[in-house]
Amino acid sequence: MSYLEYSVQRVPTGLSKVLHINWVLVLLISAVAGTGFLMLYSVSSGDPARWMDPQLKRFTLGMTLMFVIAMVPIWFWRNVSAIAYLGTLALLVVVEVFGVVGMGAQRWIDIGFMRLQPSELMKITLVMMLAAYYDWLDIEKTSRFFTVLAPVLLILVPTALVLRQPDLGTAVLLMLGGGAVMFMAGVHWGYFAAVISSGAAGVFAVLRSRGTSWQLLENYQYKRIDAFLSPASDPLGSGYHITQSKIALGSGGWSGKGFMQGTQTRLNFLPEKHTDFIFTTLAEEFGFVGGISLLALYGLVIFFCAVSALSTRDRFSSLLILGIAATFFLLFSVNMAMVMGLAPVVGVPLPLVSYGGSAMMSLLVAFGFVQSAHIHRPRMGM
């Protein structure tokens, strides 16, 4: 839909925009975040000032940003997509030069009240850029070689910068999220088959390069692969995280041990219990019922995003919403697979639940774009 076609449709104006907010989605997001606050209170042994209060403040700020973004017409966000992408790309370069080092990685920029992780923002601005690109491109040209090459470069440039930090988990998510947008835009399946084949060859090269002068990953990343394949081979070293995670998951049983009663968490056997492995705390304390309930909330968020995307005739809005939903799905599915031993430990937080400012803020900004597209979708007969 062109801007002229969009502008002559009837869309909400003024205070009426508030009535058209997807309030069900707001409630679902709040419910997921509320689960996170509850678990952060638990892992801090009842000290809200440690992790829960800072996270609650970030959530409040993020929700405010979400509503502000939602009130701005979606065509504005389409027009600034390239600026947002290039700005985030510039921040990734700044990280290379002035970034703060933490846990052996250089991923953050210290902005005073919080540490900003530009790679989290790139997950969203990349989706925006790709959605704007395919909105501009004629549908008939979607699968031509040179029109496919452009989005591939848009994906690979930030991915390469993120890999240098190093942050393998986010780099993989950037490629998967970008690929999802390309697939939903209608790129021919043959390109994806070629990428999958190349990926398999890449995995082989990564494994073969270990211990050579051209080693492709850091030593700690290879240890994570070892821990994934055989955690019992080094239960007190590289396999410690996943071994303790499985113990916590299994000990929760059907209904869990009770709020703040998880032994793995309370006795500090579980590492990174407030960030990457917070799902295991939830499963230990609330069991299978608690874990499946959180998964249901995530599923409902995806469902209502999909419904919103299908209700708009604007190609940019549809691709943006679906791209954000796909990224959201990848975040929680990779985290859950990771803590259950179904995927290597790659440091992906559980969305809206794990402690962390950049991850939460970037997601709430993303849902602001979803709300903007939902509010400003053309409506007939208004």
Protein backbone atom coordinates (compact mmCIF):
# COMPACT_ATOMS: atom_id res chain seq x y z
CA MET A 1 0.00 0.00 0.00
CA SER A 2 1.47 3.36 -1.02
CA TYR A 3 1.61 6.34 1.31
CA LEU A 4 -1.07 8.10 -0.77
CA GLU A 5 -3.37 5.09 -0.52
CA TYR A 6 -2.64 4.84 3.19
CA SER A 7 -3.29 8.54 3.86
CA VAL A 8 -6.78 8.58 2.33
CA GLN A 9 -7.98 5.69 4.51
CA ARG A 10 -9.70 6.44 7.76
CA VAL A 11 -7.45 5.89 10.78
CA PRO A 12 -7.93 6.83 14.45
CA THR A 13 -6.92 10.33 15.51
CA GLY A 14 -6.36 12.10 18.82
CA LEU A 15 -7.57 10.40 21.98
CA SER A 16 -9.51 7.84 19.98
CA LYS A 17 -6.18 6.08 19.38
CA VAL A 18 -6.21 4.95 22.99
CA LEU A 19 -9.42 3.01 22.35
CA HIS A 20 -7.79 1.16 19.47
CA ILE A 21 -4.77 -0.06 21.43
CA ASN A 22 -4.57 -3.84 21.53
CA TRP A 23 -5.25 -4.02 25.26
CA VAL A 24 -5.26 -7.82 25.30
CA LEU A 25 -1.66 -7.75 24.10
CA VAL A 26 -0.81 -5.18 26.79
CA LEU A 27 -2.28 -7.44 29.47
CA LEU A 28 -0.38 -10.47 28.15
CA ILE A 29 2.92 -8.58 28.11
CA SER A 30 2.25 -7.36 31.65
CA ALA A 31 1.44 -10.90 32.79
CA VAL A 32 4.73 -12.23 31.39
CA ALA A 33 6.69 -9.37 32.96
CA GLY A 34 4.83 -9.90 36.25
CA THR A 35 6.02 -13.51 36.22
CA GLY A 36 9.53 -12.17 35.83
CA PHE A 37 9.17 -9.81 38.80
CA LEU A 38 7.91 -12.70 40.92
CA MET A 39 10.86 -14.90 40.00
CA LEU A 40 13.40 -12.11 40.53
CA TYR A 41 11.97 -11.60 44.01
CA SER A 42 12.40 -15.31 44.62
CA VAL A 43 15.99 -15.65 43.38
CA SER A 44 17.03 -12.64 45.49
CA SER A 45 15.73 -14.43 48.61
CA GLY A 46 13.05 -11.80 49.18
CA ASP A 47 15.22 -8.73 48.61
CA PRO A 48 13.28 -6.65 46.05
CA ALA A 49 15.96 -3.95 45.86
CA ARG A 50 18.46 -6.37 44.37
CA TRP A 51 16.85 -7.27 41.05
CA MET A 52 13.08 -6.84 41.14
CA ASP A 53 12.88 -3.09 41.79
CA PRO A 54 15.37 -2.11 39.05
CA GLN A 55 13.56 -4.39 36.61
CA LEU A 56 10.20 -2.91 37.58
CA LYS A 57 11.51 0.61 36.92
CA ARG A 58 12.79 -0.45 33.50
CA PHE A 59 9.46 -2.06 32.71
CA THR A 60 7.61 1.13 33.66
CA LEU A 61 9.89 3.20 31.44
CA GLY A 62 9.60 0.65 28.64
CA MET A 63 5.81 0.60 28.80
CA THR A 64 5.78 4.39 28.66
CA LEU A 65 7.93 4.25 25.53
CA MET A 66 5.65 1.59 24.08
CA PHE A 67 2.57 3.81 24.44
CA VAL A 68 4.41 6.86 23.06
CA ILE A 69 5.59 4.89 20.03
CA ALA A 70 2.10 3.46 19.57
CA MET A 71 0.60 6.93 19.21
CA VAL A 72 2.90 7.80 16.27
CA PRO A 73 1.57 6.79 12.81
CA ILE A 74 3.16 3.64 11.42
CA TRP A 75 4.19 5.38 8.18
CA PHE A 76 6.56 7.55 10.24
CA TRP A 77 8.34 4.46 11.58
CA ARG A 78 8.57 3.09 8.06
CA ASN A 79 10.21 6.30 6.88
CA VAL A 80 12.81 6.31 9.68
CA SER A 81 13.61 2.59 9.47
CA ALA A 82 16.86 3.17 7.59
CA ILE A 83 17.93 5.83 10.10
CA ALA A 84 17.15 3.51 13.01
CA TYR A 85 19.09 0.67 11.40
CA LEU A 86 22.13 2.80 10.58
CA GLY A 87 22.06 4.40 14.03
CA THR A 88 22.08 1.01 15.73
CA LEU A 89 24.83 -0.14 13.38
CA ALA A 90 26.86 2.90 14.45
CA LEU A 91 26.32 1.95 18.10
CA LEU A 92 27.71 -1.51 17.36
CA VAL A 93 30.82 0.17 15.99
CA VAL A 94 31.02 2.34 19.12
CA VAL A 95 30.92 -0.84 21.21
CA GLU A 96 33.99 -2.04 19.32
CA VAL A 97 35.92 1.08 20.37
CA PHE A 98 34.48 2.25 23.69
CA GLY A 99 32.39 -0.70 24.86
CA VAL A 100 32.31 -1.92 28.44
CA VAL A 101 33.77 -5.39 29.00
CA GLY A 102 31.84 -7.83 31.15
CA MET A 103 32.21 -11.60 31.57
CA GLY A 104 34.85 -11.73 28.84
CA ALA A 105 32.75 -9.94 26.24
CA GLN A 106 32.57 -6.33 25.02
CA ARG A 107 28.86 -5.79 24.38
CA TRP A 108 27.70 -2.74 26.35
CA ILE A 109 27.85 1.05 26.32
CA ASP A 110 27.68 2.72 29.71
CA ILE A 111 25.07 5.53 29.54
CA GLY A 112 24.95 6.26 33.26
CA PHE A 113 21.65 4.89 34.55
CA MET A 114 22.07 1.60 32.65
CA ARG A 115 24.32 -0.32 30.33
CA LEU A 116 22.96 -0.26 26.78
CA GLN A 117 23.48 -3.36 24.66
CA PRO A 118 23.09 -2.23 21.01
CA SER A 119 22.86 -5.80 19.75
CA GLU A 120 19.48 -6.09 21.50
CA LEU A 121 18.23 -3.04 19.60
CA MET A 122 19.62 -4.43 16.36
CA LYS A 123 17.23 -7.41 16.62
CA ILE A 124 14.39 -4.89 16.22
CA THR A 125 15.83 -2.29 13.86
CA LEU A 126 16.96 -5.06 11.48
CA VAL A 127 13.36 -6.27 11.25
CA MET A 128 12.22 -2.67 10.64
CA MET A 129 14.78 -2.19 7.87
CA LEU A 130 13.91 -5.44 6.12
CA ALA A 131 10.17 -4.74 6.37
CA ALA A 132 10.71 -1.29 4.84
CA TYR A 133 12.88 -2.77 2.09
CA TYR A 134 10.27 -5.32 1.04
CA ASP A 135 7.52 -2.70 1.31
CA TRP A 136 9.48 -0.60 -1.20
CA LEU A 137 10.35 -3.53 -3.48
CA ASP A 138 7.95 -4.79 -6.15
CA ILE A 139 6.62 -8.19 -5.17
CA GLU A 140 7.59 -9.60 -8.57
CA LYS A 141 11.26 -8.81 -7.85
CA THR A 142 11.37 -10.41 -4.40
CA SER A 143 13.35 -13.50 -5.45
CA ARG A 144 15.72 -11.97 -7.99
CA PHE A 145 19.38 -12.49 -7.15
CA PHE A 146 20.43 -8.88 -6.63
CA THR A 147 17.29 -7.98 -4.69
CA VAL A 148 18.00 -10.95 -2.40
CA LEU A 149 21.64 -9.94 -2.01
CA ALA A 150 20.75 -6.55 -0.49
CA PRO A 151 18.84 -7.90 2.57
CA VAL A 152 21.48 -10.60 3.03
CA LEU A 153 24.10 -7.86 3.40
CA LEU A 154 21.80 -5.96 5.77
CA ILE A 155 21.77 -9.08 7.95
CA LEU A 156 25.44 -10.08 7.66
CA VAL A 157 27.01 -6.70 8.50
CA PRO A 158 25.56 -6.39 12.04
CA THR A 159 25.94 -10.15 12.54
CA ALA A 160 29.68 -9.86 11.89
CA LEU A 161 29.98 -6.97 14.36
CA VAL A 162 28.10 -8.91 17.03
CA LEU A 163 30.28 -11.98 16.50
CA ARG A 164 33.35 -9.85 17.23
CA GLN A 165 32.06 -8.94 20.72
CA PRO A 166 31.79 -12.06 20.91
CA ASP A 167 28.08 -12.90 21.20
CA LEU A 168 27.26 -16.05 19.25
CA GLY A 169 23.70 -16.30 20.59
CA THR A 170 22.63 -12.85 19.42
CA ALA A 171 24.42 -13.30 16.09
CA VAL A 172 22.46 -16.48 15.44
CA LEU A 173 19.21 -14.74 16.40
CA LEU A 174 19.95 -11.88 14.01
CA MET A 175 20.40 -14.32 11.14
CA LEU A 176 17.32 -16.34 12.04
CA GLY A 177 15.14 -13.26 12.61
CA GLY A 178 16.28 -11.65 9.38
CA GLY A 179 15.78 -14.90 7.50
CA ALA A 180 12.25 -15.19 8.90
CA VAL A 181 11.35 -11.75 7.49
CA MET A 182 12.79 -12.69 4.09
CA PHE A 183 10.80 -15.94 4.09
CA MET A 184 7.55 -14.17 5.02
CA ALA A 185 8.23 -11.56 2.32
CA GLY A 186 8.09 -14.35 -0.27
CA VAL A 187 11.74 -15.08 -1.09
CA HIS A 188 12.01 -18.39 -2.97
CA TRP A 189 12.65 -21.46 -0.83
CA GLY A 190 15.69 -22.39 -2.90
CA TYR A 191 17.72 -19.62 -1.30
CA PHE A 192 16.93 -20.99 2.16
CA ALA A 193 17.91 -24.49 1.09
CA ALA A 194 21.26 -23.09 -0.05
CA VAL A 195 21.70 -21.28 3.26
CA ILE A 196 20.88 -24.40 5.28
CA SER A 197 23.40 -26.39 3.24
CA SER A 198 26.00 -23.67 3.78
CA GLY A 199 25.15 -23.64 7.48
CA ALA A 200 25.80 -27.35 7.72
CA ALA A 201 29.14 -26.84 5.99
CA GLY A 202 29.84 -23.96 8.40
CA VAL A 203 29.18 -26.17 11.43
CA PHE A 204 31.60 -28.73 10.00
CA ALA A 205 34.22 -25.99 9.48
CA VAL A 206 33.74 -24.69 13.03
CA LEU A 207 34.31 -28.15 14.48
CA ARG A 208 37.29 -28.85 12.23
CA SER A 209 38.95 -25.50 13.06
CA ARG A 210 39.21 -26.26 16.75
CA GLY A 211 42.82 -26.11 17.95
CA THR A 212 44.13 -24.81 14.62
CA SER A 213 45.61 -21.44 13.69
CA TRP A 214 42.32 -20.54 11.97
CA GLN A 215 40.02 -21.45 14.88
CA LEU A 216 36.61 -19.88 14.21
CA LEU A 217 35.20 -19.70 17.77
CA GLU A 218 36.54 -18.78 21.17
CA ASN A 219 37.64 -21.61 23.47
CA TYR A 220 34.77 -20.98 25.90
CA GLN A 221 32.30 -21.34 23.04
CA TYR A 222 33.75 -24.74 22.14
CA LYS A 223 33.39 -25.73 25.79
CA ARG A 224 29.71 -24.84 25.55
CA ILE A 225 29.39 -27.18 22.57
CA ASP A 226 31.14 -29.92 24.57
CA ALA A 227 28.76 -29.31 27.47
CA PHE A 228 25.79 -29.58 25.13
CA LEU A 229 26.96 -32.86 23.58
CA SER A 230 28.15 -34.46 26.81
CA PRO A 231 27.56 -32.43 30.00
CA ALA A 232 28.46 -35.41 32.18
CA SER A 233 32.00 -35.43 30.79
CA ASP A 234 32.83 -32.31 32.83
CA PRO A 235 30.08 -31.89 35.45
CA LEU A 236 32.06 -29.40 37.55
CA GLY A 237 33.42 -27.42 34.62
CA SER A 238 31.91 -26.72 31.21
CA GLY A 239 28.96 -29.03 31.91
CA TYR A 240 28.11 -27.50 35.29
CA HIS A 241 25.49 -25.03 34.07
CA ILE A 242 23.38 -27.47 32.12
CA THR A 243 23.77 -30.27 34.71
CA GLN A 244 22.47 -28.08 37.53
CA SER A 245 19.74 -26.74 35.25
CA LYS A 246 18.48 -30.25 34.48
CA ILE A 247 18.51 -31.14 38.17
CA ALA A 248 16.40 -28.07 38.96
CA LEU A 249 13.99 -28.76 36.10
CA GLY A 250 13.52 -32.38 37.07
CA SER A 251 13.14 -31.71 40.79
CA GLY A 252 10.17 -29.41 40.18
CA GLY A 253 7.96 -32.30 39.12
CA TRP A 254 4.34 -31.59 38.25
CA SER A 255 3.50 -28.72 40.59
CA GLY A 256 6.89 -27.63 41.94
CA LYS A 257 8.39 -27.23 45.38
CA GLY A 258 6.61 -23.96 46.13
CA PHE A 259 7.42 -20.28 45.86
CA MET A 260 10.93 -19.53 47.17
CA GLN A 261 11.39 -23.19 48.10
CA GLY A 262 13.63 -24.31 45.23
CA THR A 263 16.76 -25.90 46.68
CA GLN A 264 18.93 -25.52 43.59
CA THR A 265 18.17 -21.81 43.55
CA ARG A 266 18.22 -21.12 47.28
CA LEU A 267 21.53 -22.95 47.79
CA ASN A 268 23.10 -21.20 44.76
CA PHE A 269 23.78 -24.38 42.81
CA LEU A 270 22.00 -22.85 39.82
CA PRO A 271 24.24 -20.36 37.94
CA GLU A 272 22.91 -17.18 36.31
CA LYS A 273 19.64 -17.81 38.11
CA HIS A 274 18.38 -14.26 37.56
CA THR A 275 19.26 -14.01 33.86
CA ASP A 276 19.68 -16.85 31.35
CA PHE A 277 18.58 -19.69 33.67
CA ILE A 278 15.59 -18.05 35.33
CA PHE A 279 13.20 -20.48 33.62
CA THR A 280 14.71 -23.34 35.61
CA THR A 281 13.90 -21.46 38.82
CA LEU A 282 10.30 -21.12 37.65
CA ALA A 283 10.13 -24.83 36.78
CA GLU A 284 11.67 -25.86 40.10
CA GLU A 285 9.29 -23.77 42.19
CA PHE A 286 6.09 -24.14 40.12
CA GLY A 287 6.83 -27.35 38.23
CA PHE A 288 5.46 -28.37 34.85
CA VAL A 289 2.27 -26.39 35.48
CA GLY A 290 4.23 -23.16 35.95
CA GLY A 291 6.45 -23.77 32.95
CA ILE A 292 3.59 -24.62 30.59
CA SER A 293 1.60 -21.61 31.86
CA LEU A 294 4.42 -19.24 30.93
CA LEU A 295 4.73 -20.97 27.56
CA ALA A 296 0.98 -20.46 27.04
CA LEU A 297 1.34 -16.73 27.73
CA TYR A 298 4.13 -16.54 25.17
CA GLY A 299 1.99 -18.43 22.69
CA LEU A 300 -0.90 -16.01 23.18
CA VAL A 301 1.40 -13.04 22.56
CA ILE A 302 2.45 -14.63 19.25
CA PHE A 303 -1.18 -15.40 18.38
CA PHE A 304 -2.45 -11.85 18.92
CA CYS A 305 0.51 -10.43 17.00
CA ALA A 306 -0.35 -12.73 14.09
CA VAL A 307 -4.02 -11.70 14.21
CA SER A 308 -2.99 -8.04 14.16
CA ALA A 309 -0.66 -8.64 11.19
CA LEU A 310 -3.39 -10.40 9.21
CA SER A 311 -5.86 -7.58 9.87
CA THR A 312 -3.80 -4.93 8.10
CA ARG A 313 -3.49 -4.38 4.34
CA ASP A 314 -0.19 -2.52 4.73
CA ARG A 315 2.76 -4.70 3.65
CA PHE A 316 5.25 -2.89 5.91
CA SER A 317 3.02 -3.27 8.97
CA SER A 318 2.38 -6.95 8.30
CA LEU A 319 6.06 -7.79 7.85
CA LEU A 320 7.06 -5.67 10.83
CA ILE A 321 4.58 -7.34 13.19
CA LEU A 322 5.35 -10.84 11.93
CA GLY A 323 9.08 -10.16 12.10
CA ILE A 324 8.84 -8.98 15.69
CA ALA A 325 6.64 -11.98 16.57
CA ALA A 326 9.20 -14.32 14.96
CA THR A 327 12.04 -12.67 16.89
CA PHE A 328 10.06 -12.96 20.12
CA PHE A 329 9.41 -16.65 19.39
CA LEU A 330 13.09 -17.29 18.70
CA LEU A 331 14.08 -15.63 21.98
CA PHE A 332 11.97 -17.75 24.29
CA SER A 333 12.29 -20.97 22.30
CA VAL A 334 16.10 -20.78 22.16
CA ASN A 335 16.32 -19.91 25.88
CA MET A 336 14.03 -22.77 26.89
CA ALA A 337 15.82 -25.22 24.61
CA MET A 338 19.13 -24.06 26.04
CA VAL A 339 18.24 -24.57 29.72
CA MET A 340 16.67 -27.96 28.96
CA GLY A 341 19.80 -29.20 27.21
CA LEU A 342 18.20 -29.25 23.75
CA ALA A 343 20.54 -26.53 22.44
CA PRO A 344 24.01 -25.25 23.39
CA VAL A 345 24.23 -22.58 26.09
CA VAL A 346 24.55 -19.37 24.08
CA GLY A 347 23.55 -16.69 26.57
CA VAL A 348 20.04 -15.80 25.33
CA PRO A 349 17.79 -14.23 28.02
CA LEU A 350 14.18 -15.28 28.57
CA PRO A 351 12.15 -12.38 27.09
CA LEU A 352 10.48 -10.04 29.62
CA VAL A 353 11.41 -12.42 32.46
CA SER A 354 15.21 -12.46 32.72
CA TYR A 355 16.93 -9.57 34.49
CA GLY A 356 18.35 -7.05 32.04
CA GLY A 357 17.55 -3.55 30.92
CA SER A 358 18.47 -3.57 27.21
CA ALA A 359 16.59 -6.78 26.44
CA MET A 360 13.40 -5.63 28.14
CA MET A 361 13.50 -2.08 26.78
CA SER A 362 14.13 -3.19 23.20
CA LEU A 363 11.24 -5.67 23.34
CA LEU A 364 8.81 -3.10 24.71
CA VAL A 365 9.90 -0.66 22.00
CA ALA A 366 9.24 -3.43 19.48
CA PHE A 367 5.75 -3.98 20.87
CA GLY A 368 5.26 -0.24 20.55
CA PHE A 369 5.72 -0.66 16.80
CA VAL A 370 3.25 -3.54 16.85
CA GLN A 371 0.72 -1.30 18.61
CA SER A 372 1.37 1.57 16.18
CA ALA A 373 0.66 -0.73 13.23
CA HIS A 374 -2.46 -2.07 14.97
CA ILE A 375 -3.84 1.37 15.87
CA HIS A 376 -3.13 3.02 12.53
CA ARG A 377 -4.20 0.23 10.23
CA PRO A 378 -6.70 1.55 7.67
CA ARG A 379 -10.32 1.00 8.65
CA MET A 380 -13.26 1.36 6.34
CA GLY A 381 -16.41 3.12 7.46
CA MET A 382 -14.94 4.93 10.47
